[in-house]
Amino acid sequence: QVQLVESGGGLVQAGGSLRLSCAFSGRTFSNYVMGWFRQAPGKEREFVSAISRSGLSTDYADSVKGRFTISRDNNKNTVYLQMNSLKPEDTAVYYCAARRPPKVTTTRESREYDYWGQGTQVTVSS
């Protein structure tokens, strides 16, 4: 069974940076499309970013484009989210998600992801 464990969240001032990691285990990581989502208090879970199995194709929500970078290391079974120029509105619980094969395309739809981590809290102070 796939397991996802996020880390790297914390408290940061506006304008600062954080790097989230998501460790994947249980199956062959390179076969899975990966995504990041976030959920702020009182709001629905929203798409942040996704990355293809090879890492060559990425997608970003407009709200984070130019500030966040998704990447993966298939040798380390880990997907990352580098977050720069953080804003208070980025405050949320961040979740990584995996889309099992044979699905090969990135997607912004949370229902298209099959496995989820427990989440890591990111708080950006103004």
Foldseek 3Di string as FASTA:
>chain_A
DKAKAKDWADEEAAQAKIKMKIAIDDDQLLQKKKFKWWDDPPGDIWGAKIAFSVRPDMDGDPVQPPFWDWGDDSVRRMIMIIGGRDDQVVWTWMKMFIAHPPDTDDDGDPVRTDDIHPTDTHGYHD
